[in-house]
C-alpha atoms as a PDB file:
ATOM      1  CA  UNK A   1      81.935 150.248  72.274  1.00  0.00           C
ATOM      2  CA  UNK A   2      79.584 153.139  71.797  1.00  0.00           C
ATOM      3  CA  UNK A   3      78.396 154.528  74.970  1.00  0.00           C
ATOM      4  CA  UNK A   4      75.693 157.489  75.503  1.00  0.00           C
ATOM      5  CA  UNK A   5      76.849 160.730  76.923  1.00  0.00           C
ATOM      6  CA  UNK A   6      74.333 160.912  79.651  1.00  0.00           C
ATOM      7  CA  UNK A   7      75.313 164.860  80.080  1.00  0.00           C
ATOM      8  CA  UNK A   8      74.962 165.461  75.894  1.00  0.00           C
ATOM      9  CA  UNK A   9      72.441 167.548  74.781  1.00  0.00           C
ATOM     10  CA  UNK A  10      71.326 165.668  71.265  1.00  0.00           C
ATOM     11  CA  UNK A  11      70.368 162.184  71.813  1.00  0.00           C
ATOM     12  CA  UNK A  12      70.952 160.130  68.581  1.00  0.00           C
ATOM     13  CA  UNK A  13      69.469 156.767  69.788  1.00  0.00           C
ATOM     14  CA  UNK A  14      66.572 156.421  67.317  1.00  0.00           C
ATOM     15  CA  UNK A  15      68.200 158.138  64.586  1.00  0.00           C
ATOM     16  CA  UNK A  16      69.066 154.674  62.863  1.00  0.00           C
ATOM     17  CA  UNK A  17      65.619 153.459  63.338  1.00  0.00           C
ATOM     18  CA  UNK A  18      64.631 156.483  61.707  1.00  0.00           C
ATOM     19  CA  UNK A  19      66.697 155.964  58.527  1.00  0.00           C
ATOM     20  CA  UNK A  20      65.981 152.732  58.293  1.00  0.00           C
ATOM     21  CA  UNK A  21      62.513 153.213  57.981  1.00  0.00           C
ATOM     22  CA  UNK A  22      62.729 155.799  55.688  1.00  0.00           C
ATOM     23  CA  UNK A  23      64.914 153.959  52.964  1.00  0.00           C
ATOM     24  CA  UNK A  24      63.540 150.122  53.444  1.00  0.00           C
ATOM     25  CA  UNK A  25      60.087 150.817  51.146  1.00  0.00           C
ATOM     26  CA  UNK A  26      62.455 151.709  48.210  1.00  0.00           C
ATOM     27  CA  UNK A  27      64.914 148.507  49.213  1.00  0.00           C
ATOM     28  CA  UNK A  28      61.816 146.674  49.073  1.00  0.00           C
ATOM     29  CA  UNK A  29      60.358 147.696  46.110  1.00  0.00           C
ATOM     30  CA  UNK A  30      64.372 147.154  44.600  1.00  0.00           C
ATOM     31  CA  UNK A  31      64.030 144.207  45.521  1.00  0.00           C
ATOM     32  CA  UNK A  32      60.706 143.310  44.127  1.00  0.00           C
ATOM     33  CA  UNK A  33      61.527 144.545  40.655  1.00  0.00           C
ATOM     34  CA  UNK A  34      64.590 142.425  40.606  1.00  0.00           C
ATOM     35  CA  UNK A  35      62.768 139.522  41.617  1.00  0.00           C
ATOM     36  CA  UNK A  36      60.384 140.210  38.698  1.00  0.00           C
ATOM     37  CA  UNK A  37      62.733 141.191  35.960  1.00  0.00           C
ATOM     38  CA  UNK A  38      64.445 137.558  37.063  1.00  0.00           C
ATOM     39  CA  UNK A  39      61.388 135.900  36.518  1.00  0.00           C
ATOM     40  CA  UNK A  40      60.814 137.283  33.511  1.00  0.00           C
ATOM     41  CA  UNK A  41      64.565 136.384  32.111  1.00  0.00           C
ATOM     42  CA  UNK A  42      64.428 133.038  33.165  1.00  0.00           C
ATOM     43  CA  UNK A  43      60.701 132.462  31.427  1.00  0.00           C
ATOM     44  CA  UNK A  44      62.193 134.179  28.192  1.00  0.00           C
ATOM     45  CA  UNK A  45      65.087 131.328  28.573  1.00  0.00           C
ATOM     46  CA  UNK A  46      62.599 128.726  28.506  1.00  0.00           C
ATOM     47  CA  UNK A  47      60.202 129.891  25.876  1.00  0.00           C
ATOM     48  CA  UNK A  48      63.903 130.246  23.602  1.00  0.00           C
ATOM     49  CA  UNK A  49      64.828 127.096  24.677  1.00  0.00           C
ATOM     50  CA  UNK A  50      61.615 125.292  23.768  1.00  0.00           C
ATOM     51  CA  UNK A  51      61.745 127.137  20.185  1.00  0.00           C
ATOM     52  CA  UNK A  52      65.316 125.835  19.625  1.00  0.00           C
ATOM     53  CA  UNK A  53      64.461 122.361  20.508  1.00  0.00           C
ATOM     54  CA  UNK A  54      61.462 122.434  18.001  1.00  0.00           C
ATOM     55  CA  UNK A  55      64.133 123.689  15.289  1.00  0.00           C
ATOM     56  CA  UNK A  56      66.918 120.889  16.071  1.00  0.00           C
ATOM     57  CA  UNK A  57      63.645 118.277  16.111  1.00  0.00           C
ATOM     58  CA  UNK A  58      63.135 119.238  12.505  1.00  0.00           C
ATOM     59  CA  UNK A  59      66.732 119.049  11.808  1.00  0.00           C
ATOM     60  CA  UNK A  60      67.240 115.540  13.300  1.00  0.00           C
ATOM     61  CA  UNK A  61      63.766 114.111  11.834  1.00  0.00           C
ATOM     62  CA  UNK A  62      62.488 116.510   9.137  1.00  0.00           C
ATOM     63  CA  UNK A  63      58.828 117.635   8.585  1.00  0.00           C
ATOM     64  CA  UNK A  64      57.048 116.147  11.529  1.00  0.00           C
ATOM     65  CA  UNK A  65      54.563 119.030  12.480  1.00  0.00           C
ATOM     66  CA  UNK A  66      53.440 116.469  15.657  1.00  0.00           C
ATOM     67  CA  UNK A  67      56.832 115.530  16.574  1.00  0.00           C
ATOM     68  CA  UNK A  68      57.902 119.171  16.279  1.00  0.00           C
ATOM     69  CA  UNK A  69      54.826 120.647  18.917  1.00  0.00           C
ATOM     70  CA  UNK A  70      55.675 117.544  21.056  1.00  0.00           C
ATOM     71  CA  UNK A  71      59.632 118.899  21.303  1.00  0.00           C
ATOM     72  CA  UNK A  72      58.344 122.249  21.938  1.00  0.00           C
ATOM     73  CA  UNK A  73      56.340 121.356  24.433  1.00  0.00           C
ATOM     74  CA  UNK A  74      58.276 119.019  26.520  1.00  0.00           C
ATOM     75  CA  UNK A  75      61.324 120.986  26.363  1.00  0.00           C
ATOM     76  CA  UNK A  76      61.863 122.316  29.379  1.00  0.00           C
ATOM     77  CA  UNK A  77      59.631 121.185  32.297  1.00  0.00           C
ATOM     78  CA  UNK A  78      56.887 124.019  31.764  1.00  0.00           C
ATOM     79  CA  UNK A  79      53.523 122.735  31.398  1.00  0.00           C
ATOM     80  CA  UNK A  80      52.104 126.297  30.596  1.00  0.00           C
ATOM     81  CA  UNK A  81      54.543 126.568  26.892  1.00  0.00           C
ATOM     82  CA  UNK A  82      52.878 126.871  23.701  1.00  0.00           C
ATOM     83  CA  UNK A  83      53.629 126.095  20.176  1.00  0.00           C
ATOM     84  CA  UNK A  84      51.676 128.659  19.450  1.00  0.00           C
ATOM     85  CA  UNK A  85      51.492 129.556  16.213  1.00  0.00           C
ATOM     86  CA  UNK A  86      51.644 125.941  14.743  1.00  0.00           C
ATOM     87  CA  UNK A  87      55.125 125.108  13.083  1.00  0.00           C
ATOM     88  CA  UNK A  88      55.349 126.016   9.549  1.00  0.00           C
ATOM     89  CA  UNK A  89      56.916 124.746   6.488  1.00  0.00           C
ATOM     90  CA  UNK A  90      58.260 127.062   3.827  1.00  0.00           C
ATOM     91  CA  UNK A  91      60.291 127.400   0.634  1.00  0.00           C
ATOM     92  CA  UNK A  92      62.832 130.364   0.976  1.00  0.00           C
ATOM     93  CA  UNK A  93      66.103 131.754  -0.381  1.00  0.00           C
ATOM     94  CA  UNK A  94      68.549 133.002   2.125  1.00  0.00           C
ATOM     95  CA  UNK A  95      68.726 136.818   2.321  1.00  0.00           C
ATOM     96  CA  UNK A  96      70.950 139.290   4.074  1.00  0.00           C
ATOM     97  CA  UNK A  97      67.863 140.618   6.372  1.00  0.00           C
ATOM     98  CA  UNK A  98      67.425 136.555   6.936  1.00  0.00           C
ATOM     99  CA  UNK A  99      65.070 133.832   4.540  1.00  0.00           C
ATOM    100  CA  UNK A 100      62.765 135.472   2.029  1.00  0.00           C
ATOM    101  CA  UNK A 101      59.807 133.477   1.348  1.00  0.00           C
ATOM    102  CA  UNK A 102      59.332 132.041  -2.081  1.00  0.00           C
ATOM    103  CA  UNK A 103      57.363 129.813  -4.277  1.00  0.00           C
ATOM    104  CA  UNK A 104      59.095 126.645  -4.152  1.00  0.00           C
ATOM    105  CA  UNK A 105      59.441 126.427  -8.063  1.00  0.00           C
ATOM    106  CA  UNK A 106      61.244 129.768  -8.157  1.00  0.00           C
ATOM    107  CA  UNK A 107      64.995 130.538  -8.231  1.00  0.00           C
ATOM    108  CA  UNK A 108      67.040 132.656  -5.327  1.00  0.00           C
ATOM    109  CA  UNK A 109      69.091 135.607  -6.571  1.00  0.00           C
ATOM    110  CA  UNK A 110      72.073 133.567  -6.467  1.00  0.00           C
ATOM    111  CA  UNK A 111      71.072 131.286  -9.195  1.00  0.00           C
ATOM    112  CA  UNK A 112      69.882 128.436  -6.982  1.00  0.00           C
ATOM    113  CA  UNK A 113      67.021 126.793  -5.936  1.00  0.00           C
ATOM    114  CA  UNK A 114      64.932 127.536  -3.149  1.00  0.00           C
ATOM    115  CA  UNK A 115      65.309 125.404   0.426  1.00  0.00           C
ATOM    116  CA  UNK A 116      62.712 124.008   2.511  1.00  0.00           C
ATOM    117  CA  UNK A 117      63.248 125.651   6.112  1.00  0.00           C
ATOM    118  CA  UNK A 118      60.789 125.462   9.273  1.00  0.00           C
ATOM    119  CA  UNK A 119      60.060 127.899  11.395  1.00  0.00           C
ATOM    120  CA  UNK A 120      59.158 126.956  15.142  1.00  0.00           C
ATOM    121  CA  UNK A 121      57.568 129.784  17.497  1.00  0.00           C
ATOM    122  CA  UNK A 122      56.735 129.392  21.415  1.00  0.00           C
ATOM    123  CA  UNK A 123      55.165 131.547  23.606  1.00  0.00           C
ATOM    124  CA  UNK A 124      54.388 131.251  27.327  1.00  0.00           C
ATOM    125  CA  UNK A 125      52.403 133.703  29.264  1.00  0.00           C
ATOM    126  CA  UNK A 126      53.895 135.821  31.983  1.00  0.00           C
ATOM    127  CA  UNK A 127      52.021 136.056  35.105  1.00  0.00           C
ATOM    128  CA  UNK A 128      53.406 139.417  37.185  1.00  0.00           C
ATOM    129  CA  UNK A 129      54.289 139.215  40.821  1.00  0.00           C
ATOM    130  CA  UNK A 130      53.552 142.599  41.835  1.00  0.00           C
ATOM    131  CA  UNK A 131      51.940 144.344  38.846  1.00  0.00           C
ATOM    132  CA  UNK A 132      51.908 147.948  40.717  1.00  0.00           C
ATOM    133  CA  UNK A 133      55.364 147.644  39.855  1.00  0.00           C
ATOM    134  CA  UNK A 134      54.353 149.384  36.079  1.00  0.00           C
ATOM    135  CA  UNK A 135      57.450 147.390  34.818  1.00  0.00           C
ATOM    136  CA  UNK A 136      57.459 147.056  30.810  1.00  0.00           C
ATOM    137  CA  UNK A 137      57.133 143.324  30.566  1.00  0.00           C
ATOM    138  CA  UNK A 138      54.871 141.744  28.189  1.00  0.00           C
ATOM    139  CA  UNK A 139      52.034 139.376  29.367  1.00  0.00           C
ATOM    140  CA  UNK A 140      53.076 136.914  26.861  1.00  0.00           C
ATOM    141  CA  UNK A 141      56.808 135.896  26.314  1.00  0.00           C
ATOM    142  CA  UNK A 142      58.079 134.508  22.539  1.00  0.00           C
ATOM    143  CA  UNK A 143      60.454 133.005  20.782  1.00  0.00           C
ATOM    144  CA  UNK A 144      60.761 131.728  17.481  1.00  0.00           C
ATOM    145  CA  UNK A 145      63.585 129.535  15.540  1.00  0.00           C
ATOM    146  CA  UNK A 146      63.877 129.115  11.342  1.00  0.00           C
ATOM    147  CA  UNK A 147      65.937 126.089  10.270  1.00  0.00           C
ATOM    148  CA  UNK A 148      66.983 124.955   7.191  1.00  0.00           C
ATOM    149  CA  UNK A 149      65.918 121.217   6.644  1.00  0.00           C
ATOM    150  CA  UNK A 150      66.584 120.868   2.811  1.00  0.00           C
END
């Protein structure tokens, strides 16, 4: 146990309180930033899950725009997830950079015919907790998934 020496010329009794008062704002800003980033990551994972749920529905049930929209909006239980823009059905050929949009009557570079693909987009608005933190988090988080159905 520490005892204060009454004969000492230096009194350090309030030093810890002053140090805490100086460092507490920095710690609170760090904590607020971590919470803000945590909520944004959670929402980003939810919107990606919603897009993948819509793509999974398209793989299982084929092209059904209304069913895909319902799968996206009900995938996570969040009421503010939107399937925007609407799901798209297109013909495409696989390439090194992804799927290239082509006419359904075209021939792919490998000599085969194009496949039918569905692109599912999802978005969720992100409201910042503390806007003055200056974190570069977008106000709308988006995700998309592309699957081949034929």
